[in-house]
């Protein structure tokens, strides 16, 4: 299992220049092979593309304060090619067990 927190930075225009707005944070949990591949391929600060379903989790913390966080469930994650290059190496696919 691997859990990564991603920040989506929103750019806003102030006068004649663009500045970073308040980021939105999302937790992404990966399991099994996708978790292993992400751990081997990505580093903190890398730009990534993520797809999945956005879900809001709500709870009350030990101090009685209501808390929420955004999570992405059933995710797909990969490196963004906007500012970098990557080399794709084929992984091994596990074959289904034989019915015999």
C-alpha atoms as a PDB file:
ATOM      1  CA  UNK A   1       0.000   0.000   0.000  1.00  0.00           C
ATOM      2  CA  UNK A   2       1.173   3.528  -0.740  1.00  0.00           C
ATOM      3  CA  UNK A   3      -0.577   6.727   0.246  1.00  0.00           C
ATOM      4  CA  UNK A   4       0.415   9.942  -1.474  1.00  0.00           C
ATOM      5  CA  UNK A   5      -0.898  13.430  -0.930  1.00  0.00           C
ATOM      6  CA  UNK A   6      -1.146  15.533  -4.053  1.00  0.00           C
ATOM      7  CA  UNK A   7      -1.571  19.280  -4.236  1.00  0.00           C
ATOM      8  CA  UNK A   8      -3.446  20.948  -7.061  1.00  0.00           C
ATOM      9  CA  UNK A   9      -2.132  24.482  -7.413  1.00  0.00           C
ATOM     10  CA  UNK A  10      -4.583  26.979  -8.793  1.00  0.00           C
ATOM     11  CA  UNK A  11      -3.120  29.957 -10.643  1.00  0.00           C
ATOM     12  CA  UNK A  12      -4.924  33.279 -10.261  1.00  0.00           C
ATOM     13  CA  UNK A  13      -4.309  36.596 -11.916  1.00  0.00           C
ATOM     14  CA  UNK A  14      -3.371  39.556  -9.732  1.00  0.00           C
ATOM     15  CA  UNK A  15      -3.063  42.651 -11.843  1.00  0.00           C
ATOM     16  CA  UNK A  16      -0.660  41.862 -14.657  1.00  0.00           C
ATOM     17  CA  UNK A  17       0.847  38.684 -13.207  1.00  0.00           C
ATOM     18  CA  UNK A  18      -0.170  35.154 -12.325  1.00  0.00           C
ATOM     19  CA  UNK A  19       0.397  33.889  -8.787  1.00  0.00           C
ATOM     20  CA  UNK A  20      -0.264  30.600  -6.994  1.00  0.00           C
ATOM     21  CA  UNK A  21      -3.602  30.456  -5.232  1.00  0.00           C
ATOM     22  CA  UNK A  22      -4.499  28.251  -2.305  1.00  0.00           C
ATOM     23  CA  UNK A  23      -3.733  24.600  -3.170  1.00  0.00           C
ATOM     24  CA  UNK A  24      -6.319  21.828  -2.915  1.00  0.00           C
ATOM     25  CA  UNK A  25      -4.969  18.678  -1.240  1.00  0.00           C
ATOM     26  CA  UNK A  26      -6.073  15.140  -2.042  1.00  0.00           C
ATOM     27  CA  UNK A  27      -5.041  11.812  -0.531  1.00  0.00           C
ATOM     28  CA  UNK A  28      -4.500   8.986  -3.010  1.00  0.00           C
ATOM     29  CA  UNK A  29      -4.173   5.400  -1.794  1.00  0.00           C
ATOM     30  CA  UNK A  30      -2.679   2.811  -4.111  1.00  0.00           C
ATOM     31  CA  UNK A  31      -2.637  -0.941  -3.499  1.00  0.00           C
ATOM     32  CA  UNK A  32      -0.493  -3.845  -4.660  1.00  0.00           C
ATOM     33  CA  UNK A  33       1.337  -3.463  -7.997  1.00  0.00           C
ATOM     34  CA  UNK A  34       0.288   0.170  -8.625  1.00  0.00           C
ATOM     35  CA  UNK A  35       1.663   1.049  -5.160  1.00  0.00           C
ATOM     36  CA  UNK A  36       4.945  -0.709  -5.940  1.00  0.00           C
ATOM     37  CA  UNK A  37       5.224   0.967  -9.353  1.00  0.00           C
ATOM     38  CA  UNK A  38       4.532   4.416  -7.901  1.00  0.00           C
ATOM     39  CA  UNK A  39       7.116   3.886  -5.132  1.00  0.00           C
ATOM     40  CA  UNK A  40       9.751   2.886  -7.702  1.00  0.00           C
ATOM     41  CA  UNK A  41       8.864   5.587 -10.251  1.00  0.00           C
ATOM     42  CA  UNK A  42       7.779   8.768  -8.465  1.00  0.00           C
ATOM     43  CA  UNK A  43       9.482  11.089  -5.987  1.00  0.00           C
ATOM     44  CA  UNK A  44       8.210  13.904  -3.782  1.00  0.00           C
ATOM     45  CA  UNK A  45       7.604  16.999  -5.891  1.00  0.00           C
ATOM     46  CA  UNK A  46       7.103  15.125  -9.183  1.00  0.00           C
ATOM     47  CA  UNK A  47       4.241  16.369 -11.307  1.00  0.00           C
ATOM     48  CA  UNK A  48       1.639  13.652 -11.748  1.00  0.00           C
ATOM     49  CA  UNK A  49      -1.663  13.039 -13.483  1.00  0.00           C
ATOM     50  CA  UNK A  50      -4.328  11.277 -11.431  1.00  0.00           C
ATOM     51  CA  UNK A  51      -7.732  10.002 -12.393  1.00  0.00           C
ATOM     52  CA  UNK A  52     -10.304   8.471 -10.099  1.00  0.00           C
ATOM     53  CA  UNK A  53     -13.377   9.292  -8.101  1.00  0.00           C
ATOM     54  CA  UNK A  54     -13.146  12.225  -5.682  1.00  0.00           C
ATOM     55  CA  UNK A  55     -14.711  11.382  -2.349  1.00  0.00           C
ATOM     56  CA  UNK A  56     -15.054  13.481   0.816  1.00  0.00           C
ATOM     57  CA  UNK A  57     -14.369  11.813   4.155  1.00  0.00           C
ATOM     58  CA  UNK A  58     -15.689  13.496   7.294  1.00  0.00           C
ATOM     59  CA  UNK A  59     -14.987  12.709  10.951  1.00  0.00           C
ATOM     60  CA  UNK A  60     -14.771  14.277  14.384  1.00  0.00           C
ATOM     61  CA  UNK A  61     -11.265  14.412  15.879  1.00  0.00           C
ATOM     62  CA  UNK A  62     -10.333  13.720  19.507  1.00  0.00           C
ATOM     63  CA  UNK A  63     -10.870  17.419  20.382  1.00  0.00           C
ATOM     64  CA  UNK A  64     -14.437  17.317  19.031  1.00  0.00           C
ATOM     65  CA  UNK A  65     -13.628  19.354  15.901  1.00  0.00           C
ATOM     66  CA  UNK A  66     -15.274  18.309  12.654  1.00  0.00           C
ATOM     67  CA  UNK A  67     -12.688  17.454   9.994  1.00  0.00           C
ATOM     68  CA  UNK A  68     -12.905  16.634   6.305  1.00  0.00           C
ATOM     69  CA  UNK A  69     -10.470  15.538   3.647  1.00  0.00           C
ATOM     70  CA  UNK A  70     -10.668  14.842  -0.054  1.00  0.00           C
ATOM     71  CA  UNK A  71      -9.568  11.413  -1.233  1.00  0.00           C
ATOM     72  CA  UNK A  72      -9.322   9.912  -4.682  1.00  0.00           C
ATOM     73  CA  UNK A  73     -10.553   6.347  -4.783  1.00  0.00           C
ATOM     74  CA  UNK A  74      -9.854   3.720  -7.444  1.00  0.00           C
ATOM     75  CA  UNK A  75      -7.023   5.871  -8.818  1.00  0.00           C
ATOM     76  CA  UNK A  76      -4.749   5.683 -11.821  1.00  0.00           C
ATOM     77  CA  UNK A  77      -1.537   7.706 -11.472  1.00  0.00           C
ATOM     78  CA  UNK A  78       1.310   8.543 -13.817  1.00  0.00           C
ATOM     79  CA  UNK A  79       4.033  11.079 -14.432  1.00  0.00           C
ATOM     80  CA  UNK A  80       3.140  14.320 -16.200  1.00  0.00           C
ATOM     81  CA  UNK A  81       5.149  14.885 -19.377  1.00  0.00           C
ATOM     82  CA  UNK A  82       4.637  18.643 -19.443  1.00  0.00           C
ATOM     83  CA  UNK A  83       8.025  19.494 -17.903  1.00  0.00           C
ATOM     84  CA  UNK A  84       9.938  16.216 -17.958  1.00  0.00           C
ATOM     85  CA  UNK A  85      10.524  13.015 -19.881  1.00  0.00           C
ATOM     86  CA  UNK A  86      10.211   9.455 -18.675  1.00  0.00           C
ATOM     87  CA  UNK A  87      11.271   6.061 -19.927  1.00  0.00           C
ATOM     88  CA  UNK A  88       8.520   3.484 -19.829  1.00  0.00           C
ATOM     89  CA  UNK A  89       9.595  -0.042 -18.976  1.00  0.00           C
ATOM     90  CA  UNK A  90       7.113  -2.850 -19.418  1.00  0.00           C
ATOM     91  CA  UNK A  91       6.118  -4.581 -16.226  1.00  0.00           C
ATOM     92  CA  UNK A  92       5.284  -8.209 -15.862  1.00  0.00           C
ATOM     93  CA  UNK A  93       1.684  -9.241 -16.000  1.00  0.00           C
ATOM     94  CA  UNK A  94       0.612 -11.950 -13.661  1.00  0.00           C
ATOM     95  CA  UNK A  95      -1.117 -14.730 -15.548  1.00  0.00           C
ATOM     96  CA  UNK A  96      -4.432 -15.982 -14.155  1.00  0.00           C
ATOM     97  CA  UNK A  97      -4.328 -19.385 -12.545  1.00  0.00           C
ATOM     98  CA  UNK A  98      -5.106 -22.296 -14.814  1.00  0.00           C
ATOM     99  CA  UNK A  99      -8.583 -23.803 -14.241  1.00  0.00           C
ATOM    100  CA  UNK A 100      -7.073 -27.320 -14.268  1.00  0.00           C
END
